[in-house]
Amino acid sequence: MTLLELAEARFSARKYTDEVVSDDDLSYIMQCVRLAPSAVNRQPWKFLVVRSEEGRKKVQAAYQRDWFYTAPVYIVAYKNHAEEWVRKYDNKPHGDVDLAIAVEHLALAATERGLGTCWVCAFDPAVLSAEIPQPEGWEPVAIMPVGHIADDCPRKKAERKAMEDIVEYM
């Protein structure tokens, strides 16, 4: 698929089968994540791949939705405040921007492999941090369920603004 085809094929999958996500698929996805660009190449991130039943229950405690429970894998994206690049002119930290780039690489790589994902940012970070403690400075930013998309999964495509509403030329 071209990048445009991948972008068109990707959607927020909210129902998965119980089919196992292969080690090969996960390795490929995480290699794509590793290659994502970041400000000053700091890569102020780490990703926790959660496959065990015990680990899945810990992640689910932070986001209690029926559809979310169907995912066989969760990838939790963390940023490190001490490692993120900060723009000197206005002290804007870029960790969230960097992490968003890497997570979208994850989503597109999963799509290429025929898997579904859904950005989950509405989870309770305090609950997740209590369930899966991390060293000081690491903040959970997003949870990505990953799995084979169920046949009856709603495939609602989000409406996008018209090109002329989002692009200007000078």
Protein backbone atom coordinates (compact mmCIF):
# COMPACT_ATOMS: atom_id res chain seq x y z
CA MET A 1 0.00 0.00 0.00
CA THR A 2 1.07 3.56 -0.54
CA LEU A 3 1.15 5.87 2.47
CA LEU A 4 -2.09 7.48 1.26
CA GLU A 5 -3.74 4.05 1.05
CA LEU A 6 -2.53 3.21 4.55
CA ALA A 7 -3.87 6.51 5.89
CA GLU A 8 -7.22 5.85 4.22
CA ALA A 9 -7.36 2.25 5.53
CA ARG A 10 -6.51 3.12 9.14
CA PHE A 11 -9.45 3.68 11.47
CA SER A 12 -10.15 3.44 15.18
CA ALA A 13 -10.87 -0.26 15.58
CA ARG A 14 -13.04 -0.90 18.60
CA LYS A 15 -13.54 -4.67 18.49
CA TYR A 16 -10.96 -7.42 18.09
CA THR A 17 -10.87 -11.19 17.69
CA ASP A 18 -9.03 -13.39 20.18
CA GLU A 19 -6.50 -14.37 17.50
CA VAL A 20 -2.93 -13.97 18.73
CA VAL A 21 -0.87 -11.13 17.28
CA SER A 22 2.30 -12.78 16.02
CA ASP A 23 5.77 -12.03 17.33
CA ASP A 24 6.73 -11.18 13.75
CA ASP A 25 3.96 -8.56 13.47
CA LEU A 26 4.83 -7.02 16.83
CA SER A 27 8.53 -6.95 15.98
CA TYR A 28 7.80 -5.23 12.65
CA ILE A 29 5.50 -2.67 14.29
CA MET A 30 8.00 -1.83 17.01
CA GLN A 31 10.82 -1.52 14.47
CA CYS A 32 8.70 1.10 12.67
CA VAL A 33 8.17 2.87 16.01
CA ARG A 34 11.90 2.82 16.71
CA LEU A 35 12.59 4.57 13.41
CA ALA A 36 10.16 7.44 14.06
CA PRO A 37 11.76 10.88 14.07
CA SER A 38 11.88 13.07 17.16
CA ALA A 39 13.15 16.53 18.02
CA VAL A 40 16.96 16.47 18.10
CA ASN A 41 16.60 12.68 17.83
CA ARG A 42 16.08 12.48 21.60
CA GLN A 43 13.48 9.71 21.37
CA PRO A 44 12.12 10.57 24.83
CA TRP A 45 9.91 7.51 24.87
CA LYS A 46 9.50 3.89 25.75
CA PHE A 47 6.79 1.42 24.87
CA LEU A 48 5.45 -1.33 27.08
CA VAL A 49 4.02 -4.23 25.06
CA VAL A 50 1.42 -5.95 27.23
CA ARG A 51 0.33 -9.46 26.21
CA SER A 52 -0.05 -11.43 29.43
CA GLU A 53 -3.49 -11.79 30.99
CA GLU A 54 -2.20 -10.30 34.25
CA GLY A 55 -0.71 -7.31 32.45
CA ARG A 56 -3.81 -6.80 30.32
CA LYS A 57 -5.98 -6.61 33.45
CA LYS A 58 -3.68 -3.92 34.87
CA VAL A 59 -4.02 -1.83 31.70
CA GLN A 60 -7.78 -2.41 31.57
CA ALA A 61 -8.14 -0.99 35.10
CA ALA A 62 -7.22 2.43 33.68
CA TYR A 63 -9.77 2.36 30.83
CA GLN A 64 -12.85 0.30 31.53
CA ARG A 65 -14.70 -0.13 28.24
CA ASP A 66 -16.18 -3.37 26.91
CA TRP A 67 -14.65 -2.98 23.46
CA PHE A 68 -11.21 -2.29 24.99
CA TYR A 69 -11.24 -5.64 26.79
CA THR A 70 -11.34 -7.48 23.44
CA ALA A 71 -7.81 -6.44 22.42
CA PRO A 72 -5.19 -9.19 22.80
CA VAL A 73 -2.30 -6.69 23.05
CA TYR A 74 -1.87 -3.22 24.51
CA ILE A 75 1.07 -0.99 23.80
CA VAL A 76 1.48 1.72 26.41
CA ALA A 77 3.42 4.76 25.20
CA TYR A 78 5.43 6.65 27.81
CA LYS A 79 7.41 9.87 27.56
CA ASN A 80 10.28 10.98 29.74
CA HIS A 81 10.19 14.64 30.72
CA ALA A 82 13.93 14.71 31.45
CA GLU A 83 14.75 13.49 27.93
CA GLU A 84 12.32 15.59 25.87
CA TRP A 85 13.71 18.46 23.83
CA VAL A 86 12.57 21.95 24.86
CA ARG A 87 12.44 24.84 22.40
CA LYS A 88 14.59 27.64 23.85
CA TYR A 89 12.52 30.55 22.54
CA ASP A 90 9.37 29.76 24.52
CA ASN A 91 10.32 26.71 26.63
CA LYS A 92 7.84 24.50 24.80
CA PRO A 93 8.56 20.82 25.52
CA HIS A 94 8.16 18.52 22.50
CA GLY A 95 7.79 15.12 24.18
CA ASP A 96 4.08 14.86 23.34
CA VAL A 97 4.79 15.79 19.71
CA ASP A 98 7.59 13.26 19.46
CA LEU A 99 5.50 10.54 21.03
CA ALA A 100 2.55 11.28 18.74
CA ILE A 101 4.78 10.76 15.70
CA ALA A 102 5.98 7.40 17.03
CA VAL A 103 2.47 6.25 17.96
CA GLU A 104 1.17 7.11 14.51
CA HIS A 105 4.03 5.06 13.03
CA LEU A 106 2.68 2.24 15.22
CA ALA A 107 -0.87 2.71 13.92
CA LEU A 108 0.18 2.76 10.27
CA ALA A 109 2.55 -0.21 10.65
CA ALA A 110 -0.24 -2.22 12.29
CA THR A 111 -2.60 -1.25 9.46
CA GLU A 112 -0.05 -2.41 6.91
CA ARG A 113 0.04 -5.79 8.68
CA GLY A 114 -3.75 -6.09 8.59
CA LEU A 115 -4.19 -5.27 12.28
CA GLY A 116 -6.35 -2.70 14.01
CA THR A 117 -5.49 -0.06 16.58
CA CYS A 118 -7.20 2.79 18.37
CA TRP A 119 -5.57 5.76 20.05
CA VAL A 120 -6.70 5.75 23.68
CA CYS A 121 -5.85 8.91 25.58
CA ALA A 122 -8.95 9.10 27.83
CA PHE A 123 -7.55 6.56 30.31
CA ASP A 124 -6.83 7.36 33.97
CA PRO A 125 -3.04 7.87 34.18
CA ALA A 126 -3.02 7.68 37.99
CA VAL A 127 -4.67 4.25 37.90
CA LEU A 128 -2.30 3.02 35.18
CA SER A 129 0.72 4.31 37.10
CA ALA A 130 -0.49 2.58 40.26
CA GLU A 131 -1.07 -0.70 38.39
CA ILE A 132 2.20 -0.57 36.42
CA PRO A 133 4.69 1.66 38.28
CA GLN A 134 7.42 3.26 36.21
CA PRO A 135 10.60 5.09 37.23
CA GLU A 136 10.39 8.77 38.12
CA GLY A 137 9.83 11.04 35.12
CA TRP A 138 7.99 8.52 32.90
CA GLU A 139 4.45 9.59 32.03
CA PRO A 140 1.91 7.34 30.28
CA VAL A 141 0.55 9.29 27.31
CA ALA A 142 -1.38 6.82 25.16
CA ILE A 143 -2.55 3.23 25.13
CA MET A 144 -2.81 1.47 21.80
CA PRO A 145 -4.86 -1.72 21.69
CA VAL A 146 -3.59 -3.89 18.84
CA GLY A 147 -5.28 -6.91 17.35
CA HIS A 148 -7.03 -8.62 14.49
CA ILE A 149 -10.19 -6.67 13.70
CA ALA A 150 -13.47 -8.47 14.38
CA ASP A 151 -15.74 -8.90 11.34
CA ASP A 152 -18.53 -7.03 13.12
CA CYS A 153 -16.29 -4.16 14.25
CA PRO A 154 -17.83 -0.79 13.39
CA ARG A 155 -15.71 0.73 10.64
CA LYS A 156 -16.88 4.30 10.95
CA LYS A 157 -14.54 6.62 9.14
CA ALA A 158 -14.13 9.98 10.83
CA GLU A 159 -15.15 12.93 8.74
CA ARG A 160 -12.21 15.08 7.77
CA LYS A 161 -12.17 18.78 7.03
CA ALA A 162 -11.90 19.88 3.43
CA MET A 163 -8.39 20.57 2.15
CA GLU A 164 -9.13 24.28 1.73
CA ASP A 165 -10.12 24.45 5.40
CA ILE A 166 -6.76 23.20 6.66
CA VAL A 167 -4.15 24.25 4.10
CA GLU A 168 -3.05 27.73 3.09
CA TYR A 169 -0.42 28.65 0.54
CA MET A 170 1.67 31.77 0.57
